[in-house]
C-alpha cells in the first residue's frame, strides 16, 4: 500500500505541475531558513499569483507540445486523429493507457501483459490485416488496414489475413504411409493422422488418401477503396466479408458424443473440400480413377477435381449420378453458399500425391507393365508390316520406272517386230545409260553400273552380225 502511495507521489513530482510545486516548496524552505522577512499580505499574494501563473503556463505549454509532437508518432492522415493520438500520449504519461497493438499479416503482435490492459488504446494494422472489435456484450466495429483508436471497453474479437492463403491437407510427399508402428511409433502416428485427413473409400471399397491443396482468401471487393485511415490495401478490404468470417461461427461435431470443435475462418475451406472429396470418391471404382471415364478422355480423378472446383466456385453445378456420370441436372451448390455467407472465396483446388494400399500399387504396376508389353509388341508388329508394305510398294514403283525408261524407244511409234535381237537389246540399253548419266550423281556405284552397261554394249556390237552405222556412232 505504501509502495503504491509513494509511487503515485513520485509520478506526480515528475510532471510539470509537480516540478513547480516542488520548486516553490524548496524556495519557501530557503526563505524560512535564511530568516528572510516575509511579513505583509503583498508577499503572499504575489507568491500565489506567480505560483498559479507558473502552473498555468507549464500545463498549457505541455498540452500544446504534446498535441504538436504526437501527430508525428504515427502516419496520421485523418485530421480527427490528431486529438485522439494526443489523448493517448497523455494517457501514456499518466500510466492509465490502454493496449497498444500491432497487427501484421493477420497476427496480433503485443508485449507481455498488453492484452490485459483496459482503457483507451491504439491498434496499427498493416495492409494485409483486418479485424473486428467487440465489447463484452456486442460486436462494435470492423477495422481495415491503417490506424484504429479504441475505447476503454473494446478489445479484438478476431483478426484475418487479407492475402491469398495456401493450405495443404493430407499426407506429405515424403510420407511413408506403411511404416512399421513398432519400429517408428511417432512417425507412424503422425503419418496416420495426416492420412485420415483426406482418406476416402471408392465405390468398390478401396481406401484412397491424396494430398489436397486449396487456395483461398477473404472475399475481395470489386473495387478497392480507402479505409477510414486513408489506406488502400493492395489485397482489398471488404468490411462485411471480414465481419462474417470472424463472427459467423462454424461448429464441427467431434468423434465422441457431445463434443464440438469451433472452426476458425481459415479452416472452413478445407472442411468443405474434404467433405466434397469423400462424397465424390464414393461414386467411382478404383480402376476408374486412373482411366478415361468421359468423352473428353478425363480420368476419374480429373473429373472429381473439376467437380470440386465447380462446387466451391459456382452457385449451381451439374450433378453426378452414383457411378460418376453427369446427369445433366443442375443443382444448387450449398458449399458455395456457405463460403459466401462467411465472407470466403476459394480460387483453386488441386488433388495430387494420391496414395493407396501397397498391394494395389503393385497390382497396378504389374497391369501397366503387361499392358505396356502388349502395346509394344503390337507396335512392333505394326511397324514390321508397314516396313514390308513400303518395301513392296518401292519395289513395284522401281519396276514401273525401269519398264518406263527401258521402253522409251518403243513407245513413241508403232514398230514392227525386230528380226535382229541385238538391235532390240541396244534400244533397251541406250535409254538406261542416258538416264543414269543425267539423273544420278557421281559415285562408285554409278560408275560400276555404267561400266557394266558399256561392257554389254560392246558385246552387242562385237556379236551383232549386221553392223549399223548409227548404232556404232551412238556407241
Protein backbone atom coordinates (compact mmCIF):
# COMPACT_ATOMS: atom_id res chain seq x y z
CA UNK A 1 0.00 0.00 0.00
CA UNK A 2 2.77 2.40 0.99
CA UNK A 3 4.67 1.48 -2.16
CA UNK A 4 1.66 2.41 -4.27
CA UNK A 5 1.27 5.74 -2.43
CA UNK A 6 4.93 6.64 -2.81
CA UNK A 7 4.86 5.58 -6.49
CA UNK A 8 1.91 7.90 -7.08
CA UNK A 9 3.72 10.79 -5.34
CA UNK A 10 6.87 10.14 -7.40
CA UNK A 11 4.86 10.07 -10.63
CA UNK A 12 3.22 13.40 -9.72
CA UNK A 13 6.53 15.04 -8.90
CA UNK A 14 7.81 14.11 -12.37
CA UNK A 15 5.05 16.14 -14.04
CA UNK A 16 5.47 19.87 -14.81
CA UNK A 17 2.99 20.77 -12.04
CA UNK A 18 4.89 18.57 -9.60
CA UNK A 19 8.17 20.23 -10.54
CA UNK A 20 6.67 23.69 -9.96
CA UNK A 21 5.17 22.69 -6.59
CA UNK A 22 8.50 21.16 -5.54
CA UNK A 23 10.42 24.29 -6.58
CA UNK A 24 8.06 26.57 -4.63
CA UNK A 25 8.28 24.40 -1.51
CA UNK A 26 12.07 24.42 -1.71
CA UNK A 27 12.02 28.22 -2.14
CA UNK A 28 9.82 28.68 0.91
CA UNK A 29 12.13 26.45 2.94
CA UNK A 30 15.17 28.50 1.83
CA UNK A 31 13.40 31.82 2.77
CA UNK A 32 12.47 30.42 6.18
CA UNK A 33 15.96 29.00 6.83
CA UNK A 34 17.66 32.28 5.89
CA UNK A 35 15.16 34.22 8.06
CA UNK A 36 14.21 36.48 5.16
CA UNK A 37 11.38 38.80 6.14
CA UNK A 38 8.06 37.65 4.64
CA UNK A 39 5.73 39.91 6.56
CA UNK A 40 2.89 41.55 4.78
CA UNK A 41 -0.03 40.42 2.67
CA UNK A 42 1.60 41.54 -0.58
CA UNK A 43 4.27 38.90 -0.38
CA UNK A 44 1.80 36.06 -0.08
CA UNK A 45 -0.46 37.46 -2.81
CA UNK A 46 2.44 37.87 -5.23
CA UNK A 47 3.76 34.39 -4.42
CA UNK A 48 0.33 32.86 -5.03
CA UNK A 49 -0.06 34.70 -8.35
CA UNK A 50 3.37 33.64 -9.53
CA UNK A 51 2.70 30.05 -8.48
CA UNK A 52 -0.64 29.97 -10.32
CA UNK A 53 0.91 31.56 -13.42
CA UNK A 54 3.73 29.01 -13.44
CA UNK A 55 1.30 26.11 -13.17
CA UNK A 56 -0.93 27.51 -15.94
CA UNK A 57 1.99 28.17 -18.31
CA UNK A 58 3.52 24.76 -17.63
CA UNK A 59 0.25 22.85 -18.16
CA UNK A 60 -0.71 24.81 -21.27
CA UNK A 61 2.74 24.54 -22.80
CA UNK A 62 2.87 20.82 -22.07
CA UNK A 63 -0.55 20.23 -23.70
CA UNK A 64 0.39 22.20 -26.79
CA UNK A 65 3.72 20.47 -27.18
CA UNK A 66 2.12 17.05 -26.74
CA UNK A 67 -0.56 17.94 -29.31
CA UNK A 68 2.10 19.13 -31.76
CA UNK A 69 4.65 16.33 -31.46
CA UNK A 70 2.21 13.44 -31.02
CA UNK A 71 0.96 13.76 -34.60
CA UNK A 72 4.43 12.69 -35.77
CA UNK A 73 4.35 9.46 -33.77
CA UNK A 74 2.16 7.74 -36.40
CA UNK A 75 1.47 8.40 -40.10
CA UNK A 76 -1.86 10.13 -39.43
CA UNK A 77 -3.84 11.30 -42.47
CA UNK A 78 -7.20 11.95 -40.86
CA UNK A 79 -7.32 15.35 -39.01
CA UNK A 80 -9.71 13.89 -36.42
CA UNK A 81 -6.96 11.53 -35.31
CA UNK A 82 -4.77 14.39 -34.02
CA UNK A 83 -6.85 14.84 -30.90
CA UNK A 84 -7.03 11.06 -30.42
CA UNK A 85 -3.28 10.48 -30.63
CA UNK A 86 -2.65 13.45 -28.27
CA UNK A 87 -5.07 11.94 -25.74
CA UNK A 88 -3.31 8.55 -26.00
CA UNK A 89 0.10 10.16 -25.39
CA UNK A 90 -1.26 11.93 -22.30
CA UNK A 91 -2.67 8.66 -21.02
CA UNK A 92 0.68 7.02 -21.61
CA UNK A 93 2.31 9.73 -19.46
CA UNK A 94 -0.08 9.19 -16.59
CA UNK A 95 0.21 5.40 -16.77
CA UNK A 96 -3.51 4.87 -17.40
CA UNK A 97 -3.17 3.97 -21.06
CA UNK A 98 -4.93 1.11 -22.82
CA UNK A 99 -3.30 -1.55 -25.03
CA UNK A 100 -1.04 -0.57 -27.93
CA UNK A 101 -1.17 -3.37 -30.51
CA UNK A 102 0.31 -4.06 -33.95
CA UNK A 103 -1.32 -6.49 -36.38
CA UNK A 104 0.91 -7.97 -39.09
CA UNK A 105 -0.40 -10.42 -41.70
CA UNK A 106 -3.46 -11.07 -39.56
CA UNK A 107 -1.43 -11.89 -36.41
CA UNK A 108 -1.68 -9.66 -33.34
CA UNK A 109 1.78 -8.71 -32.04
CA UNK A 110 1.89 -7.46 -28.44
CA UNK A 111 4.13 -7.25 -25.42
CA UNK A 112 3.63 -9.31 -22.30
CA UNK A 113 0.56 -8.20 -20.39
CA UNK A 114 -0.52 -5.80 -23.14
CA UNK A 115 -3.80 -7.58 -23.86
CA UNK A 116 -4.84 -7.29 -20.19
CA UNK A 117 -4.74 -3.51 -20.20
CA UNK A 118 -8.07 -1.71 -20.21
CA UNK A 119 -8.59 1.83 -21.36
CA UNK A 120 -8.39 3.92 -24.50
CA UNK A 121 -5.89 2.15 -26.74
CA UNK A 122 -4.39 2.09 -30.21
CA UNK A 123 -4.15 -0.58 -32.94
CA UNK A 124 -1.93 -0.33 -36.04
CA UNK A 125 -2.71 -2.73 -38.91
CA UNK A 126 -0.53 -3.39 -41.95
CA UNK A 127 -2.05 -3.54 -45.45
CA UNK A 128 -2.62 -7.32 -45.24
CA UNK A 129 -4.61 -7.29 -41.97
CA UNK A 130 -8.14 -6.63 -40.77
CA UNK A 131 -10.01 -7.30 -37.52
CA UNK A 132 -13.28 -6.98 -35.64
CA UNK A 133 -13.67 -5.12 -32.33
CA UNK A 134 -16.17 -6.06 -29.67
CA UNK A 135 -17.19 -5.41 -26.09
CA UNK A 136 -18.36 -7.95 -23.57
CA UNK A 137 -21.92 -7.63 -24.90
CA UNK A 138 -21.79 -6.76 -28.62
CA UNK A 139 -19.80 -6.56 -31.83
CA UNK A 140 -18.66 -2.99 -32.35
CA UNK A 141 -16.66 -2.29 -35.50
CA UNK A 142 -14.78 -3.84 -38.43
CA UNK A 143 -11.32 -2.35 -38.90
CA UNK A 144 -9.22 -2.40 -42.06
CA UNK A 145 -5.57 -1.54 -42.73
CA UNK A 146 -4.37 1.63 -41.05
CA UNK A 147 -4.85 3.05 -37.53
CA UNK A 148 -7.69 2.47 -35.09
CA UNK A 149 -8.22 4.23 -31.74
CA UNK A 150 -10.13 2.01 -29.34
CA UNK A 151 -12.28 2.86 -26.34
CA UNK A 152 -11.78 1.51 -22.88
CA UNK A 153 -14.21 -1.42 -23.14
CA UNK A 154 -13.25 -2.57 -26.66
CA UNK A 155 -11.00 -5.48 -27.49
CA UNK A 156 -10.19 -7.65 -30.54
CA UNK A 157 -12.74 -10.36 -31.34
CA UNK A 158 -10.62 -11.81 -34.15
CA UNK A 159 -8.22 -10.89 -36.95
CA UNK A 160 -7.73 -12.11 -40.52
CA UNK A 161 -5.02 -12.12 -43.17
CA UNK A 162 -6.27 -10.46 -46.37
CA UNK A 163 -3.71 -12.22 -48.56
CA UNK A 164 -4.50 -15.37 -50.55
CA UNK A 165 -3.78 -18.46 -48.45
CA UNK A 166 -2.46 -21.89 -49.49
CA UNK A 167 -3.48 -24.82 -47.35
CA UNK A 168 -2.25 -28.40 -47.79
CA UNK A 169 -4.07 -31.29 -46.15
CA UNK A 170 -3.39 -34.98 -46.30
CA UNK A 171 -0.11 -36.93 -46.48
CA UNK A 172 3.15 -35.20 -47.30
CA UNK A 173 5.14 -36.06 -50.40
CA UNK A 174 7.84 -37.57 -48.14
CA UNK A 175 5.43 -39.63 -46.04
CA UNK A 176 5.67 -43.41 -45.91
CA UNK A 177 2.10 -44.47 -45.08
CA UNK A 178 3.03 -48.08 -44.38
CA UNK A 179 5.66 -47.65 -41.69
CA UNK A 180 6.04 -50.28 -39.03
CA UNK A 181 4.15 -48.97 -35.94
CA UNK A 182 6.54 -50.79 -33.63
CA UNK A 183 9.86 -49.58 -35.04
CA UNK A 184 8.76 -45.97 -35.61
CA UNK A 185 5.67 -45.26 -33.46
CA UNK A 186 5.90 -41.43 -33.52
CA UNK A 187 6.34 -41.15 -37.28
CA UNK A 188 3.67 -43.78 -37.80
CA UNK A 189 1.09 -41.88 -35.71
CA UNK A 190 1.83 -38.57 -37.41
CA UNK A 191 1.54 -40.17 -40.84
CA UNK A 192 -1.72 -41.89 -39.93
CA UNK A 193 -3.18 -38.60 -38.67
CA UNK A 194 -2.37 -36.89 -41.96
CA UNK A 195 -3.70 -39.89 -43.84
CA UNK A 196 -7.05 -39.70 -42.07
CA UNK A 197 -7.47 -36.04 -43.02
CA UNK A 198 -8.33 -36.92 -46.64
CA UNK A 199 -8.96 -40.68 -46.55
CA UNK A 200 -11.97 -41.84 -48.57
CA UNK A 201 -13.40 -45.11 -49.91
CA UNK A 202 -14.12 -45.85 -53.56
CA UNK A 203 -17.35 -47.46 -54.73
CA UNK A 204 -15.69 -50.89 -54.64
CA UNK A 205 -14.29 -50.37 -51.13
CA UNK A 206 -10.65 -49.33 -51.70
CA UNK A 207 -9.15 -46.60 -49.50
CA UNK A 208 -7.62 -43.58 -51.23
CA UNK A 209 -5.90 -40.72 -49.39
CA UNK A 210 -4.45 -37.91 -51.55
CA UNK A 211 -2.86 -34.58 -50.76
CA UNK A 212 -5.33 -31.76 -51.41
CA UNK A 213 -4.11 -28.19 -51.84
CA UNK A 214 -6.55 -25.27 -51.53
CA UNK A 215 -6.00 -21.63 -52.41
CA UNK A 216 -8.50 -19.29 -50.74
CA UNK A 217 -8.87 -15.82 -49.24
CA UNK A 218 -11.28 -13.40 -47.61
CA UNK A 219 -13.76 -12.27 -50.27
CA UNK A 220 -12.37 -9.24 -52.04
CA UNK A 221 -14.39 -6.22 -53.17
CA UNK A 222 -14.99 -5.48 -56.84
CA UNK A 223 -13.26 -2.12 -56.43
CA UNK A 224 -10.55 -1.18 -53.94
CA UNK A 225 -11.47 1.81 -51.77
CA UNK A 226 -9.54 3.57 -48.97
CA UNK A 227 -10.25 2.65 -45.37
CA UNK A 228 -11.19 5.15 -42.66
CA UNK A 229 -7.47 5.77 -42.14
CA UNK A 230 -7.00 6.62 -45.81
CA UNK A 231 -5.12 3.38 -46.62
CA UNK A 232 -5.92 1.49 -49.85
CA UNK A 233 -4.86 -2.12 -49.42
CA UNK A 234 -3.35 -3.96 -52.38
CA UNK A 235 -5.30 -7.04 -51.28
CA UNK A 236 -8.65 -5.25 -50.97
CA UNK A 237 -10.79 -4.83 -47.88
CA UNK A 238 -14.45 -5.83 -47.67
CA UNK A 239 -15.79 -4.95 -44.20
CA UNK A 240 -18.82 -7.24 -44.47
CA UNK A 241 -16.71 -10.22 -45.57
CA UNK A 242 -14.24 -9.71 -42.70
CA UNK A 243 -17.06 -9.39 -40.17
CA UNK A 244 -18.78 -12.55 -41.45
CA UNK A 245 -15.54 -14.55 -41.48
CA UNK A 246 -14.82 -13.73 -37.83
CA UNK A 247 -18.26 -13.59 -36.23
CA UNK A 248 -20.18 -16.37 -38.03
CA UNK A 249 -19.10 -19.39 -36.09
CA UNK A 250 -18.88 -22.89 -37.60
CA UNK A 251 -19.02 -25.82 -35.20
CA UNK A 252 -17.85 -29.31 -36.17
CA UNK A 253 -19.12 -32.32 -34.25
CA UNK A 254 -16.32 -34.33 -32.71
CA UNK A 255 -15.77 -38.07 -32.90
CA UNK A 256 -17.02 -38.68 -29.35
CA UNK A 257 -20.51 -37.88 -28.16
CA UNK A 258 -21.46 -34.32 -27.23
CA UNK A 259 -18.11 -32.87 -28.35
CA UNK A 260 -17.92 -29.82 -30.56
CA UNK A 261 -14.97 -28.08 -32.19
CA UNK A 262 -15.10 -24.46 -33.27
CA UNK A 263 -13.57 -23.96 -36.72
CA UNK A 264 -11.56 -20.83 -37.37
CA UNK A 265 -12.24 -18.92 -40.58
CA UNK A 266 -9.18 -20.36 -42.34
CA UNK A 267 -10.20 -23.96 -41.50
CA UNK A 268 -13.61 -23.79 -43.19
CA UNK A 269 -12.37 -24.21 -46.82
CA UNK A 270 -10.51 -27.43 -46.01
CA UNK A 271 -13.51 -28.77 -44.08
CA UNK A 272 -15.85 -28.21 -47.04
CA UNK A 273 -13.44 -29.51 -49.71
CA UNK A 274 -12.70 -32.75 -47.85
CA UNK A 275 -16.42 -33.45 -47.44
CA UNK A 276 -16.97 -32.94 -51.19
CA UNK A 277 -13.98 -35.17 -51.99
CA UNK A 278 -15.36 -38.01 -49.87
CA UNK A 279 -18.79 -37.58 -51.45
CA UNK A 280 -17.42 -37.91 -54.98
CA UNK A 281 -14.84 -40.66 -54.39
CA UNK A 282 -17.70 -42.98 -53.38
CA UNK A 283 -19.15 -42.67 -56.89
CA UNK A 284 -16.12 -44.13 -58.69
CA UNK A 285 -14.48 -47.53 -58.78
CA UNK A 286 -10.77 -47.75 -58.08
CA UNK A 287 -9.97 -48.60 -61.71
CA UNK A 288 -11.97 -45.56 -62.91
CA UNK A 289 -9.72 -43.12 -61.07
CA UNK A 290 -6.80 -43.58 -63.48
CA UNK A 291 -8.64 -44.37 -66.72
CA UNK A 292 -10.76 -42.20 -69.06
CA UNK A 293 -14.38 -42.11 -67.91
CA UNK A 294 -15.92 -39.42 -70.11
CA UNK A 295 -15.95 -38.36 -73.74
CA UNK A 296 -13.12 -35.88 -73.22
CA UNK A 297 -10.67 -38.55 -72.08
CA UNK A 298 -10.55 -37.28 -68.48
CA UNK A 299 -9.79 -39.80 -65.74
CA UNK A 300 -11.93 -40.26 -62.66
CA UNK A 301 -9.55 -38.15 -60.54
CA UNK A 302 -9.68 -35.33 -63.07
CA UNK A 303 -13.47 -35.45 -63.11
CA UNK A 304 -13.55 -35.28 -59.29
CA UNK A 305 -11.10 -32.37 -59.20
CA UNK A 306 -13.13 -30.44 -61.77
CA UNK A 307 -16.39 -31.16 -59.92
CA UNK A 308 -14.93 -29.95 -56.60
CA UNK A 309 -13.73 -26.69 -58.19
CA UNK A 310 -17.18 -26.10 -59.64
CA UNK A 311 -18.88 -26.78 -56.30
CA UNK A 312 -16.83 -24.14 -54.48
CA UNK A 313 -16.79 -21.51 -57.26
CA UNK A 314 -20.27 -21.61 -58.80
CA UNK A 315 -23.76 -21.19 -57.30
CA UNK A 316 -25.13 -24.01 -59.50
CA UNK A 317 -23.37 -27.19 -60.69
CA UNK A 318 -24.17 -30.23 -62.82
CA UNK A 319 -24.97 -33.27 -60.68
CA UNK A 320 -23.20 -36.66 -60.92
CA UNK A 321 -25.06 -39.95 -60.53
CA UNK A 322 -23.92 -42.83 -58.32
CA UNK A 323 -21.45 -44.02 -60.97
CA UNK A 324 -19.82 -40.63 -61.51
CA UNK A 325 -21.57 -39.86 -64.81
CA UNK A 326 -23.05 -36.42 -65.45
CA UNK A 327 -26.84 -36.41 -65.23
CA UNK A 328 -27.48 -33.11 -67.00
CA UNK A 329 -29.40 -31.83 -63.94
CA UNK A 330 -28.22 -28.56 -62.40
CA UNK A 331 -28.45 -28.24 -58.61
CA UNK A 332 -27.60 -25.54 -56.08
CA UNK A 333 -24.12 -25.65 -54.57
CA UNK A 334 -24.53 -25.49 -50.79
CA UNK A 335 -20.76 -25.21 -50.28
CA UNK A 336 -20.56 -22.07 -52.44
CA UNK A 337 -23.47 -20.61 -50.48
CA UNK A 338 -21.72 -21.33 -47.16
CA UNK A 339 -18.49 -19.74 -48.35
CA UNK A 340 -20.34 -16.63 -49.49
CA UNK A 341 -22.20 -16.29 -46.21
CA UNK A 342 -18.92 -16.47 -44.29
CA UNK A 343 -17.06 -13.96 -46.46
CA UNK A 344 -14.70 -16.50 -48.06
CA UNK A 345 -13.81 -17.50 -51.60
CA UNK A 346 -11.83 -20.45 -52.96
CA UNK A 347 -9.75 -19.79 -56.05
CA UNK A 348 -8.32 -23.24 -56.77
CA UNK A 349 -8.38 -26.85 -55.55
CA UNK A 350 -5.80 -29.43 -56.62
CA UNK A 351 -5.59 -33.19 -55.95
CA UNK A 352 -2.14 -34.77 -56.12
CA UNK A 353 0.19 -37.26 -54.43
CA UNK A 354 -2.53 -39.95 -54.45
CA UNK A 355 -1.65 -42.85 -52.14
CA UNK A 356 -3.30 -46.24 -51.60
CA UNK A 357 -2.51 -49.71 -50.31
CA UNK A 358 0.81 -51.25 -51.34
CA UNK A 359 -0.86 -54.36 -52.79
CA UNK A 360 -3.00 -52.16 -55.06
CA UNK A 361 0.07 -50.25 -56.18
CA UNK A 362 1.88 -53.48 -57.07
CA UNK A 363 -1.19 -54.75 -58.88
CA UNK A 364 -1.49 -51.56 -60.94
CA UNK A 365 2.24 -51.62 -61.73
CA UNK A 366 2.01 -55.21 -62.98
CA UNK A 367 -1.08 -54.38 -65.00
CA UNK A 368 0.59 -51.33 -66.55
CA UNK A 369 3.73 -53.40 -67.31
CA UNK A 370 1.68 -56.12 -69.02
CA UNK A 371 -0.28 -53.57 -70.99
CA UNK A 372 2.89 -51.76 -71.98
CA UNK A 373 4.47 -55.02 -73.21
CA UNK A 374 1.37 -55.91 -75.23
CA UNK A 375 1.26 -52.42 -76.71
CA UNK A 376 4.97 -52.60 -77.54
CA UNK A 377 4.52 -55.96 -79.29
CA UNK A 378 1.58 -54.63 -81.26
CA UNK A 379 3.57 -51.56 -82.24
CA UNK A 380 6.50 -53.75 -83.36
CA UNK A 381 4.23 -55.94 -85.48
CA UNK A 382 2.61 -52.89 -86.99
CA UNK A 383 5.99 -51.35 -87.85
CA UNK A 384 7.17 -54.59 -89.47
CA UNK A 385 4.01 -54.75 -91.57
CA UNK A 386 4.43 -51.12 -92.59
CA UNK A 387 8.08 -51.77 -93.50
CA UNK A 388 7.09 -54.76 -95.65
CA UNK A 389 4.37 -52.78 -97.40
CA UNK A 390 6.71 -49.84 -98.04
CA UNK A 391 9.39 -52.20 -99.39
CA UNK A 392 6.92 -53.92 -101.73
CA UNK A 393 5.50 -50.60 -102.91
CA UNK A 394 9.02 -49.25 -103.54
CA UNK A 395 9.98 -52.38 -105.47
CA UNK A 396 6.84 -52.13 -107.62
CA UNK A 397 7.46 -48.45 -108.27
CA UNK A 398 11.09 -49.15 -109.22
CA UNK A 399 9.95 -51.88 -111.63
CA UNK A 400 7.49 -49.48 -113.25
CA UNK A 401 10.16 -46.80 -113.61
CA UNK A 402 12.58 -49.32 -115.12
CA UNK A 403 9.97 -50.51 -117.59
CA UNK A 404 9.04 -46.94 -118.48
CA UNK A 405 12.68 -45.92 -119.11
CA UNK A 406 13.65 -49.09 -120.95
CA UNK A 407 10.62 -48.91 -123.28
CA UNK A 408 11.12 -45.26 -124.15
CA UNK A 409 12.48 -46.12 -127.64
CA UNK A 410 9.41 -48.25 -128.38
CA UNK A 411 6.64 -46.06 -127.01
CA UNK A 412 6.76 -43.12 -129.45
CA UNK A 413 5.55 -45.05 -132.52
CA UNK A 414 4.28 -48.40 -133.63
CA UNK A 415 7.16 -50.57 -134.83
CA UNK A 416 7.36 -53.89 -136.45
CA UNK A 417 8.96 -56.79 -134.60
CA UNK A 418 12.74 -56.68 -134.86
CA UNK A 419 14.32 -59.55 -136.69
CA UNK A 420 17.66 -58.70 -135.13
CA UNK A 421 17.62 -59.36 -131.33
CA UNK A 422 20.90 -57.47 -130.89
CA UNK A 423 19.26 -54.35 -132.22
CA UNK A 424 16.40 -54.76 -129.73
CA UNK A 425 18.84 -55.05 -126.83
CA UNK A 426 20.66 -51.95 -127.95
CA UNK A 427 17.40 -49.99 -127.96
CA UNK A 428 16.72 -51.16 -124.40
CA UNK A 429 20.16 -50.35 -123.02
CA UNK A 430 20.58 -46.92 -124.63
CA UNK A 431 17.83 -45.11 -122.52
CA UNK A 432 19.15 -46.71 -119.33
CA UNK A 433 22.63 -45.32 -119.94
CA UNK A 434 21.24 -41.85 -120.67
CA UNK A 435 19.02 -41.89 -117.54
CA UNK A 436 21.84 -42.97 -115.25
CA UNK A 437 24.18 -40.29 -116.62
CA UNK A 438 21.59 -37.46 -116.39
CA UNK A 439 19.80 -38.30 -113.13
CA UNK A 440 22.39 -39.97 -110.91
CA UNK A 441 25.20 -38.20 -109.07
CA UNK A 442 28.76 -39.29 -109.49
CA UNK A 443 29.82 -42.18 -107.30
CA UNK A 444 31.41 -45.58 -107.19
CA UNK A 445 28.09 -47.40 -107.59
CA UNK A 446 27.11 -45.31 -110.62
CA UNK A 447 30.48 -45.83 -112.28
CA UNK A 448 30.20 -49.56 -111.73
CA UNK A 449 26.76 -49.75 -113.31
CA UNK A 450 27.88 -47.64 -116.27
CA UNK A 451 30.88 -49.90 -116.84
CA UNK A 452 28.59 -52.93 -116.81
CA UNK A 453 26.32 -51.33 -119.41
CA UNK A 454 29.37 -50.39 -121.54
CA UNK A 455 30.58 -53.97 -121.45
CA UNK A 456 27.14 -55.22 -122.53
CA UNK A 457 27.04 -52.56 -125.24
CA UNK A 458 30.45 -53.62 -126.61
CA UNK A 459 29.47 -57.23 -126.50
CA UNK A 460 26.37 -56.43 -128.61
CA UNK A 461 28.47 -54.54 -131.14
CA UNK A 462 31.03 -57.31 -131.37
CA UNK A 463 28.47 -60.08 -131.80
CA UNK A 464 25.90 -58.26 -133.96
CA UNK A 465 26.10 -59.88 -137.39
CA UNK A 466 24.53 -56.82 -139.02
CA UNK A 467 26.60 -53.75 -138.22
CA UNK A 468 24.70 -50.48 -138.39
CA UNK A 469 26.44 -47.17 -138.66
CA UNK A 470 24.03 -45.33 -136.37
CA UNK A 471 24.48 -47.90 -133.66
CA UNK A 472 28.25 -47.70 -133.89
CA UNK A 473 28.15 -43.92 -133.78
CA UNK A 474 25.99 -43.95 -130.71
CA UNK A 475 28.24 -46.40 -129.03
